[in-house]
Amino acid sequence: MQGLATETIWWGLMGGLVAALATTAGAVPVLLGRGMSQRTGDTMLGFAAGVMLSASYFSLILPGIEVATELYGSIVKAALVAGAGIALGAGFVAWLNATLPHEHFVTGQEGKEAEALARIWLFVIAITIHNFPEGLSIGVSFGGGDVANGLSVMTGISLQDVPEGLAVAVALTGRGYSRGRAFFIAMLTGLVEPLGGFVGAAAVSVASGLLPWGLTFAAGAMLYIISHEILPETHRNGHQDRATAGLIFGLVLMMILDVTLG
């Protein structure tokens, strides 16, 4: 049992690392001096939202309900557990969002004592809030011992991390950061994902009864980010049609990956 838990945690850590590398790879064009239009950026962010939305339901919530049904012997109890897990995950990220000082690309500074921190750290904290649940979802997906489901979530998150890394780096250069610093900060956005992968896989490996809670908690965290962070960002510049098309494409692609890999 301990050997299986160790292997599962390793899968979660490596899955988070793959997503981190995808984020870093996405930021490489900034070092080469290549930019990205606002329209393309909004489309890519819409794609990221679609991937996360699909992963939340097909790879996290539905498997969470299935596991909870086996544990509790009741579909009603399973649905209640899933609902509570989603609410806890969303509430946790909402608490982080309200408590930690951070800065959004458009709306500016939020959180307590934001004025006292350098802007670069405000961005780092905001990115951490955004990306940690993604790593958590990867780790939890592997944490159930279902490698195929973990690979599906890892692949989907990594695919959306590539344009996300580019979007972050381009946005930072637009705010006056040098190309090297923008690339470095974009790389930092990915480094929290192996940590999230480790935490998620370790938690559900140590206590298998936490698996349905962990799956739905990660889903709730991602759903909050989609609604609070990504979608409003894609609709501020008049490109909502392209962003919506990107969302649908990302959702369908992730659904296909989940069905074929899972």
C-alpha atoms as a PDB file:
ATOM      1  CA  MET A   1       0.000   0.000   0.000  1.00  0.00           C
ATOM      2  CA  GLN A   2       2.825   2.386   0.882  1.00  0.00           C
ATOM      3  CA  GLY A   3       4.572   1.606  -2.407  1.00  0.00           C
ATOM      4  CA  LEU A   4       1.385   2.435  -4.313  1.00  0.00           C
ATOM      5  CA  ALA A   5       0.998   5.710  -2.411  1.00  0.00           C
ATOM      6  CA  THR A   6       4.599   6.661  -3.188  1.00  0.00           C
ATOM      7  CA  GLU A   7       4.091   5.879  -6.874  1.00  0.00           C
ATOM      8  CA  THR A   8       0.873   7.883  -6.938  1.00  0.00           C
ATOM      9  CA  ILE A   9       2.532  10.902  -5.319  1.00  0.00           C
ATOM     10  CA  TRP A  10       5.349  10.635  -7.854  1.00  0.00           C
ATOM     11  CA  TRP A  11       2.810  10.663 -10.693  1.00  0.00           C
ATOM     12  CA  GLY A  12       1.162  13.763  -9.219  1.00  0.00           C
ATOM     13  CA  LEU A  13       4.491  15.568  -8.883  1.00  0.00           C
ATOM     14  CA  MET A  14       5.602  14.682 -12.399  1.00  0.00           C
ATOM     15  CA  GLY A  15       2.204  15.603 -13.843  1.00  0.00           C
ATOM     16  CA  GLY A  16       2.464  19.036 -12.254  1.00  0.00           C
ATOM     17  CA  LEU A  17       5.991  19.389 -13.605  1.00  0.00           C
ATOM     18  CA  VAL A  18       4.812  18.653 -17.155  1.00  0.00           C
ATOM     19  CA  ALA A  19       2.206  21.406 -16.822  1.00  0.00           C
ATOM     20  CA  ALA A  20       4.889  23.757 -15.502  1.00  0.00           C
ATOM     21  CA  LEU A  21       7.112  23.029 -18.485  1.00  0.00           C
ATOM     22  CA  ALA A  22       4.169  23.698 -20.806  1.00  0.00           C
ATOM     23  CA  THR A  23       3.711  27.128 -19.216  1.00  0.00           C
ATOM     24  CA  THR A  24       7.404  27.886 -19.644  1.00  0.00           C
ATOM     25  CA  ALA A  25       7.352  26.729 -23.258  1.00  0.00           C
ATOM     26  CA  GLY A  26       4.433  29.027 -23.972  1.00  0.00           C
ATOM     27  CA  ALA A  27       6.420  32.041 -22.782  1.00  0.00           C
ATOM     28  CA  VAL A  28       9.473  31.330 -24.990  1.00  0.00           C
ATOM     29  CA  PRO A  29       8.258  33.425 -27.983  1.00  0.00           C
ATOM     30  CA  VAL A  30       8.501  36.541 -25.796  1.00  0.00           C
ATOM     31  CA  LEU A  31      12.263  36.014 -25.570  1.00  0.00           C
ATOM     32  CA  LEU A  32      12.328  35.981 -29.369  1.00  0.00           C
ATOM     33  CA  GLY A  33      10.537  39.301 -29.536  1.00  0.00           C
ATOM     34  CA  ARG A  34       7.230  37.965 -30.800  1.00  0.00           C
ATOM     35  CA  GLY A  35       4.078  39.557 -29.479  1.00  0.00           C
ATOM     36  CA  MET A  36       0.428  38.622 -29.524  1.00  0.00           C
ATOM     37  CA  SER A  37      -2.636  40.645 -30.398  1.00  0.00           C
ATOM     38  CA  GLN A  38      -5.321  41.264 -27.799  1.00  0.00           C
ATOM     39  CA  ARG A  39      -7.802  39.360 -29.954  1.00  0.00           C
ATOM     40  CA  THR A  40      -5.560  36.290 -30.056  1.00  0.00           C
ATOM     41  CA  GLY A  41      -4.890  36.561 -26.351  1.00  0.00           C
ATOM     42  CA  ASP A  42      -8.599  36.644 -25.519  1.00  0.00           C
ATOM     43  CA  THR A  43      -9.200  33.644 -27.790  1.00  0.00           C
ATOM     44  CA  MET A  44      -6.451  31.697 -26.033  1.00  0.00           C
ATOM     45  CA  LEU A  45      -7.800  32.587 -22.619  1.00  0.00           C
ATOM     46  CA  GLY A  46     -11.230  31.408 -23.763  1.00  0.00           C
ATOM     47  CA  PHE A  47      -9.619  28.136 -24.850  1.00  0.00           C
ATOM     48  CA  ALA A  48      -8.019  27.818 -21.409  1.00  0.00           C
ATOM     49  CA  ALA A  49     -11.404  28.362 -19.758  1.00  0.00           C
ATOM     50  CA  GLY A  50     -12.977  25.663 -21.928  1.00  0.00           C
ATOM     51  CA  VAL A  51     -10.287  23.143 -21.047  1.00  0.00           C
ATOM     52  CA  MET A  52     -10.631  23.901 -17.345  1.00  0.00           C
ATOM     53  CA  LEU A  53     -14.436  23.758 -17.498  1.00  0.00           C
ATOM     54  CA  SER A  54     -14.409  20.386 -19.234  1.00  0.00           C
ATOM     55  CA  ALA A  55     -11.748  18.999 -16.888  1.00  0.00           C
ATOM     56  CA  SER A  56     -13.735  20.175 -13.886  1.00  0.00           C
ATOM     57  CA  TYR A  57     -16.782  18.133 -14.864  1.00  0.00           C
ATOM     58  CA  PHE A  58     -15.562  15.153 -16.868  1.00  0.00           C
ATOM     59  CA  SER A  59     -12.303  14.486 -15.007  1.00  0.00           C
ATOM     60  CA  LEU A  60     -13.089  15.687 -11.484  1.00  0.00           C
ATOM     61  CA  ILE A  61     -16.775  16.062 -10.571  1.00  0.00           C
ATOM     62  CA  LEU A  62     -18.137  12.954 -12.319  1.00  0.00           C
ATOM     63  CA  PRO A  63     -15.326  10.660 -11.060  1.00  0.00           C
ATOM     64  CA  GLY A  64     -15.770  12.222  -7.622  1.00  0.00           C
ATOM     65  CA  ILE A  65     -19.472  11.346  -7.612  1.00  0.00           C
ATOM     66  CA  GLU A  66     -18.677   7.820  -8.790  1.00  0.00           C
ATOM     67  CA  VAL A  67     -16.136   7.253  -6.000  1.00  0.00           C
ATOM     68  CA  ALA A  68     -18.438   8.803  -3.391  1.00  0.00           C
ATOM     69  CA  THR A  69     -21.265   6.506  -4.499  1.00  0.00           C
ATOM     70  CA  GLU A  70     -19.035   3.476  -3.926  1.00  0.00           C
ATOM     71  CA  LEU A  71     -17.917   4.808  -0.531  1.00  0.00           C
ATOM     72  CA  TYR A  72     -21.302   5.838   0.839  1.00  0.00           C
ATOM     73  CA  GLY A  73     -23.596   3.492  -1.069  1.00  0.00           C
ATOM     74  CA  SER A  74     -25.986   6.287  -2.010  1.00  0.00           C
ATOM     75  CA  ILE A  75     -26.143   8.517  -5.060  1.00  0.00           C
ATOM     76  CA  VAL A  76     -27.875  11.184  -2.964  1.00  0.00           C
ATOM     77  CA  LYS A  77     -25.049  11.249  -0.421  1.00  0.00           C
ATOM     78  CA  ALA A  78     -22.538  11.251  -3.271  1.00  0.00           C
ATOM     79  CA  ALA A  79     -24.219  14.267  -4.864  1.00  0.00           C
ATOM     80  CA  LEU A  80     -24.244  16.097  -1.531  1.00  0.00           C
ATOM     81  CA  VAL A  81     -20.547  15.343  -0.998  1.00  0.00           C
ATOM     82  CA  ALA A  82     -19.769  16.597  -4.501  1.00  0.00           C
ATOM     83  CA  GLY A  83     -21.739  19.779  -3.910  1.00  0.00           C
ATOM     84  CA  ALA A  84     -19.999  20.389  -0.598  1.00  0.00           C
ATOM     85  CA  GLY A  85     -16.583  19.717  -2.135  1.00  0.00           C
ATOM     86  CA  ILE A  86     -17.235  22.150  -4.993  1.00  0.00           C
ATOM     87  CA  ALA A  87     -18.395  24.825  -2.564  1.00  0.00           C
ATOM     88  CA  LEU A  88     -15.343  24.325  -0.337  1.00  0.00           C
ATOM     89  CA  GLY A  89     -12.958  24.559  -3.290  1.00  0.00           C
ATOM     90  CA  ALA A  90     -14.564  27.712  -4.638  1.00  0.00           C
ATOM     91  CA  GLY A  91     -14.738  29.199  -1.166  1.00  0.00           C
ATOM     92  CA  PHE A  92     -11.072  28.476  -0.517  1.00  0.00           C
ATOM     93  CA  VAL A  93      -9.927  30.307  -3.642  1.00  0.00           C
ATOM     94  CA  ALA A  94     -12.351  33.135  -2.904  1.00  0.00           C
ATOM     95  CA  TRP A  95     -10.775  33.422   0.550  1.00  0.00           C
ATOM     96  CA  LEU A  96      -7.289  33.510  -0.970  1.00  0.00           C
ATOM     97  CA  ASN A  97      -8.464  36.108  -3.458  1.00  0.00           C
ATOM     98  CA  ALA A  98      -9.869  38.321  -0.693  1.00  0.00           C
ATOM     99  CA  THR A  99      -6.990  37.816   1.744  1.00  0.00           C
ATOM    100  CA  LEU A 100      -3.766  37.815  -0.258  1.00  0.00           C
ATOM    101  CA  PRO A 101      -2.666  41.067  -1.902  1.00  0.00           C
ATOM    102  CA  HIS A 102      -2.409  40.647  -5.661  1.00  0.00           C
ATOM    103  CA  GLU A 103      -2.861  42.521  -8.908  1.00  0.00           C
ATOM    104  CA  HIS A 104      -4.980  41.749 -11.943  1.00  0.00           C
ATOM    105  CA  PHE A 105      -3.865  42.798 -15.395  1.00  0.00           C
ATOM    106  CA  VAL A 106      -6.835  45.113 -15.936  1.00  0.00           C
ATOM    107  CA  THR A 107      -8.635  45.812 -12.678  1.00  0.00           C
ATOM    108  CA  GLY A 108      -5.478  46.479 -10.679  1.00  0.00           C
ATOM    109  CA  GLN A 109      -4.659  45.775  -7.054  1.00  0.00           C
ATOM    110  CA  GLU A 110      -6.833  43.746  -4.687  1.00  0.00           C
ATOM    111  CA  GLY A 111      -6.462  42.274  -1.222  1.00  0.00           C
ATOM    112  CA  LYS A 112      -5.131  43.608   2.047  1.00  0.00           C
ATOM    113  CA  GLU A 113      -2.022  45.822   2.089  1.00  0.00           C
ATOM    114  CA  ALA A 114      -1.616  45.679  -1.682  1.00  0.00           C
ATOM    115  CA  GLU A 115      -0.015  49.100  -1.767  1.00  0.00           C
ATOM    116  CA  ALA A 116       2.873  47.925   0.404  1.00  0.00           C
ATOM    117  CA  LEU A 117       4.129  45.254  -1.995  1.00  0.00           C
ATOM    118  CA  ALA A 118       6.155  45.678  -5.171  1.00  0.00           C
ATOM    119  CA  ARG A 119       4.114  45.180  -8.355  1.00  0.00           C
ATOM    120  CA  ILE A 120       6.180  42.217  -9.439  1.00  0.00           C
ATOM    121  CA  TRP A 121       5.210  40.309  -6.287  1.00  0.00           C
ATOM    122  CA  LEU A 122       1.586  41.300  -6.703  1.00  0.00           C
ATOM    123  CA  PHE A 123       1.667  39.585 -10.088  1.00  0.00           C
ATOM    124  CA  VAL A 124       3.425  36.524  -8.675  1.00  0.00           C
ATOM    125  CA  ILE A 125       0.791  36.139  -5.950  1.00  0.00           C
ATOM    126  CA  ALA A 126      -2.056  36.561  -8.443  1.00  0.00           C
ATOM    127  CA  ILE A 127      -0.540  33.909 -10.693  1.00  0.00           C
ATOM    128  CA  THR A 128      -0.103  31.570  -7.738  1.00  0.00           C
ATOM    129  CA  ILE A 129      -3.781  31.917  -6.842  1.00  0.00           C
ATOM    130  CA  HIS A 130      -4.668  31.094 -10.431  1.00  0.00           C
ATOM    131  CA  ASN A 131      -2.370  28.124 -11.069  1.00  0.00           C
ATOM    132  CA  PHE A 132      -2.154  26.201  -7.807  1.00  0.00           C
ATOM    133  CA  PRO A 133      -5.648  24.654  -8.229  1.00  0.00           C
ATOM    134  CA  GLU A 134      -4.601  23.421 -11.670  1.00  0.00           C
ATOM    135  CA  GLY A 135      -1.687  21.500 -10.156  1.00  0.00           C
ATOM    136  CA  LEU A 136      -3.969  20.333  -7.364  1.00  0.00           C
ATOM    137  CA  SER A 137      -6.428  18.922  -9.883  1.00  0.00           C
ATOM    138  CA  ILE A 138      -3.634  16.989 -11.612  1.00  0.00           C
ATOM    139  CA  GLY A 139      -2.394  15.515  -8.345  1.00  0.00           C
ATOM    140  CA  VAL A 140      -5.863  14.558  -7.137  1.00  0.00           C
ATOM    141  CA  SER A 141      -6.619  12.904 -10.487  1.00  0.00           C
ATOM    142  CA  PHE A 142      -3.554  10.698 -10.120  1.00  0.00           C
ATOM    143  CA  GLY A 143      -4.279  10.267  -6.415  1.00  0.00           C
ATOM    144  CA  GLY A 144      -7.073   7.830  -7.024  1.00  0.00           C
ATOM    145  CA  GLY A 145      -4.669   5.396  -8.649  1.00  0.00           C
ATOM    146  CA  ASP A 146      -6.292   5.976 -12.052  1.00  0.00           C
ATOM    147  CA  VAL A 147      -3.285   6.848 -14.198  1.00  0.00           C
ATOM    148  CA  ALA A 148      -5.393   7.223 -17.357  1.00  0.00           C
ATOM    149  CA  ASN A 149      -7.601   9.855 -15.723  1.00  0.00           C
ATOM    150  CA  GLY A 150      -4.536  11.641 -14.370  1.00  0.00           C
ATOM    151  CA  LEU A 151      -2.904  11.677 -17.804  1.00  0.00           C
ATOM    152  CA  SER A 152      -6.098  13.089 -19.305  1.00  0.00           C
ATOM    153  CA  VAL A 153      -6.227  15.957 -16.813  1.00  0.00           C
ATOM    154  CA  MET A 154      -2.472  16.564 -17.118  1.00  0.00           C
ATOM    155  CA  THR A 155      -2.699  16.714 -20.914  1.00  0.00           C
ATOM    156  CA  GLY A 156      -5.637  19.093 -20.906  1.00  0.00           C
ATOM    157  CA  ILE A 157      -4.113  21.431 -18.323  1.00  0.00           C
ATOM    158  CA  SER A 158      -0.764  21.392 -20.149  1.00  0.00           C
ATOM    159  CA  LEU A 159      -2.422  22.248 -23.462  1.00  0.00           C
ATOM    160  CA  GLN A 160      -4.098  25.297 -21.972  1.00  0.00           C
ATOM    161  CA  ASP A 161      -0.940  26.267 -20.055  1.00  0.00           C
ATOM    162  CA  VAL A 162       0.972  26.886 -23.303  1.00  0.00           C
ATOM    163  CA  PRO A 163      -1.178  29.812 -24.499  1.00  0.00           C
ATOM    164  CA  GLU A 164      -1.650  30.892 -20.894  1.00  0.00           C
ATOM    165  CA  GLY A 165       2.109  31.183 -20.385  1.00  0.00           C
ATOM    166  CA  LEU A 166       2.367  33.260 -23.550  1.00  0.00           C
ATOM    167  CA  ALA A 167      -0.561  35.435 -22.532  1.00  0.00           C
ATOM    168  CA  VAL A 168       0.981  36.170 -19.133  1.00  0.00           C
ATOM    169  CA  ALA A 169       4.390  36.993 -20.603  1.00  0.00           C
ATOM    170  CA  VAL A 170       2.934  39.244 -23.295  1.00  0.00           C
ATOM    171  CA  ALA A 171       0.751  41.046 -20.776  1.00  0.00           C
ATOM    172  CA  LEU A 172       3.786  41.676 -18.568  1.00  0.00           C
ATOM    173  CA  THR A 173       5.867  43.082 -21.422  1.00  0.00           C
ATOM    174  CA  GLY A 174       2.926  45.323 -22.219  1.00  0.00           C
ATOM    175  CA  ARG A 175       3.108  46.617 -18.649  1.00  0.00           C
ATOM    176  CA  GLY A 176       6.772  47.594 -19.089  1.00  0.00           C
ATOM    177  CA  TYR A 177       8.615  44.503 -17.890  1.00  0.00           C
ATOM    178  CA  SER A 178      11.699  43.398 -19.828  1.00  0.00           C
ATOM    179  CA  ARG A 179      11.432  40.267 -21.965  1.00  0.00           C
ATOM    180  CA  GLY A 180      13.684  38.309 -19.640  1.00  0.00           C
ATOM    181  CA  ARG A 181      11.767  39.282 -16.519  1.00  0.00           C
ATOM    182  CA  ALA A 182       8.413  38.623 -18.192  1.00  0.00           C
ATOM    183  CA  PHE A 183       9.624  35.157 -19.184  1.00  0.00           C
ATOM    184  CA  PHE A 184      10.904  34.487 -15.667  1.00  0.00           C
ATOM    185  CA  ILE A 185       7.614  35.484 -14.042  1.00  0.00           C
ATOM    186  CA  ALA A 186       5.644  33.406 -16.542  1.00  0.00           C
ATOM    187  CA  MET A 187       7.894  30.475 -15.652  1.00  0.00           C
ATOM    188  CA  LEU A 188       7.087  31.069 -11.975  1.00  0.00           C
ATOM    189  CA  THR A 189       3.408  30.665 -12.766  1.00  0.00           C
ATOM    190  CA  GLY A 190       4.113  27.056 -13.625  1.00  0.00           C
ATOM    191  CA  LEU A 191       6.338  26.245 -10.675  1.00  0.00           C
ATOM    192  CA  VAL A 192       3.384  26.159  -8.280  1.00  0.00           C
ATOM    193  CA  GLU A 193       1.806  23.348 -10.297  1.00  0.00           C
ATOM    194  CA  PRO A 194       4.240  20.584  -9.235  1.00  0.00           C
ATOM    195  CA  LEU A 195       3.617  21.699  -5.648  1.00  0.00           C
ATOM    196  CA  GLY A 196      -0.125  21.480  -6.194  1.00  0.00           C
ATOM    197  CA  GLY A 197       0.314  18.088  -7.861  1.00  0.00           C
ATOM    198  CA  PHE A 198       2.288  16.806  -4.883  1.00  0.00           C
ATOM    199  CA  VAL A 199      -0.187  18.133  -2.316  1.00  0.00           C
ATOM    200  CA  GLY A 200      -3.221  16.757  -4.159  1.00  0.00           C
ATOM    201  CA  ALA A 201      -1.757  13.291  -4.768  1.00  0.00           C
ATOM    202  CA  ALA A 202      -0.371  13.014  -1.234  1.00  0.00           C
ATOM    203  CA  ALA A 203      -3.647  14.005   0.428  1.00  0.00           C
ATOM    204  CA  VAL A 204      -5.826  11.456  -1.340  1.00  0.00           C
ATOM    205  CA  SER A 205      -3.143   8.746  -1.174  1.00  0.00           C
ATOM    206  CA  VAL A 206      -2.780   9.001   2.596  1.00  0.00           C
ATOM    207  CA  ALA A 207      -6.552   8.966   3.164  1.00  0.00           C
ATOM    208  CA  SER A 208      -8.483   7.311   0.335  1.00  0.00           C
ATOM    209  CA  GLY A 209     -11.755   8.543   1.811  1.00  0.00           C
ATOM    210  CA  LEU A 210     -10.670  12.062   0.866  1.00  0.00           C
ATOM    211  CA  LEU A 211     -10.629  11.232  -2.851  1.00  0.00           C
ATOM    212  CA  PRO A 212     -14.190  12.383  -3.718  1.00  0.00           C
ATOM    213  CA  TRP A 213     -13.671  15.479  -1.583  1.00  0.00           C
ATOM    214  CA  GLY A 214     -10.317  16.199  -3.219  1.00  0.00           C
ATOM    215  CA  LEU A 215     -11.653  15.732  -6.752  1.00  0.00           C
ATOM    216  CA  THR A 216     -14.635  18.025  -6.250  1.00  0.00           C
ATOM    217  CA  PHE A 217     -12.622  20.527  -4.188  1.00  0.00           C
ATOM    218  CA  ALA A 218     -10.186  20.918  -7.092  1.00  0.00           C
ATOM    219  CA  ALA A 219     -13.123  21.302  -9.479  1.00  0.00           C
ATOM    220  CA  GLY A 220     -14.685  24.022  -7.343  1.00  0.00           C
ATOM    221  CA  ALA A 221     -11.395  25.894  -7.206  1.00  0.00           C
ATOM    222  CA  MET A 222     -11.088  25.815 -10.995  1.00  0.00           C
ATOM    223  CA  LEU A 223     -14.718  26.805 -11.539  1.00  0.00           C
ATOM    224  CA  TYR A 224     -14.211  29.868  -9.347  1.00  0.00           C
ATOM    225  CA  ILE A 225     -11.134  30.870 -11.356  1.00  0.00           C
ATOM    226  CA  ILE A 226     -12.991  30.427 -14.645  1.00  0.00           C
ATOM    227  CA  SER A 227     -15.848  32.672 -13.554  1.00  0.00           C
ATOM    228  CA  HIS A 228     -13.936  35.223 -11.497  1.00  0.00           C
ATOM    229  CA  GLU A 229     -10.677  35.558 -13.432  1.00  0.00           C
ATOM    230  CA  ILE A 230     -10.701  34.213 -16.975  1.00  0.00           C
ATOM    231  CA  LEU A 231     -14.124  34.893 -18.489  1.00  0.00           C
ATOM    232  CA  PRO A 232     -14.346  38.545 -17.377  1.00  0.00           C
ATOM    233  CA  GLU A 233     -10.858  39.097 -18.801  1.00  0.00           C
ATOM    234  CA  THR A 234     -11.856  37.732 -22.219  1.00  0.00           C
ATOM    235  CA  HIS A 235     -14.956  39.954 -22.476  1.00  0.00           C
ATOM    236  CA  ARG A 236     -13.414  43.334 -21.675  1.00  0.00           C
ATOM    237  CA  ASN A 237     -12.033  44.183 -25.107  1.00  0.00           C
ATOM    238  CA  GLY A 238     -14.895  43.350 -27.474  1.00  0.00           C
ATOM    239  CA  HIS A 239     -13.599  39.903 -28.458  1.00  0.00           C
ATOM    240  CA  GLN A 240     -16.205  37.852 -26.644  1.00  0.00           C
ATOM    241  CA  ASP A 241     -17.281  35.989 -29.813  1.00  0.00           C
ATOM    242  CA  ARG A 242     -13.758  34.688 -30.448  1.00  0.00           C
ATOM    243  CA  ALA A 243     -13.273  33.978 -26.747  1.00  0.00           C
ATOM    244  CA  THR A 244     -16.501  31.960 -26.699  1.00  0.00           C
ATOM    245  CA  ALA A 245     -15.407  30.016 -29.787  1.00  0.00           C
ATOM    246  CA  GLY A 246     -12.110  29.301 -28.036  1.00  0.00           C
ATOM    247  CA  LEU A 247     -13.979  28.122 -24.947  1.00  0.00           C
ATOM    248  CA  ILE A 248     -16.148  25.711 -26.943  1.00  0.00           C
ATOM    249  CA  PHE A 249     -13.111  24.352 -28.797  1.00  0.00           C
ATOM    250  CA  GLY A 250     -11.177  23.872 -25.556  1.00  0.00           C
ATOM    251  CA  LEU A 251     -14.130  22.180 -23.872  1.00  0.00           C
ATOM    252  CA  VAL A 252     -14.688  19.773 -26.769  1.00  0.00           C
ATOM    253  CA  LEU A 253     -10.974  18.979 -27.094  1.00  0.00           C
ATOM    254  CA  MET A 254     -10.659  18.216 -23.380  1.00  0.00           C
ATOM    255  CA  MET A 255     -13.817  16.097 -23.478  1.00  0.00           C
ATOM    256  CA  ILE A 256     -12.397  14.036 -26.347  1.00  0.00           C
ATOM    257  CA  LEU A 257      -9.088  13.624 -24.508  1.00  0.00           C
ATOM    258  CA  ASP A 258     -10.895  12.524 -21.363  1.00  0.00           C
ATOM    259  CA  VAL A 259     -13.010   9.958 -23.227  1.00  0.00           C
ATOM    260  CA  THR A 260     -10.171   8.551 -25.325  1.00  0.00           C
ATOM    261  CA  LEU A 261      -7.473   8.541 -22.629  1.00  0.00           C
ATOM    262  CA  GLY A 262      -9.801   7.626 -19.767  1.00  0.00           C
END
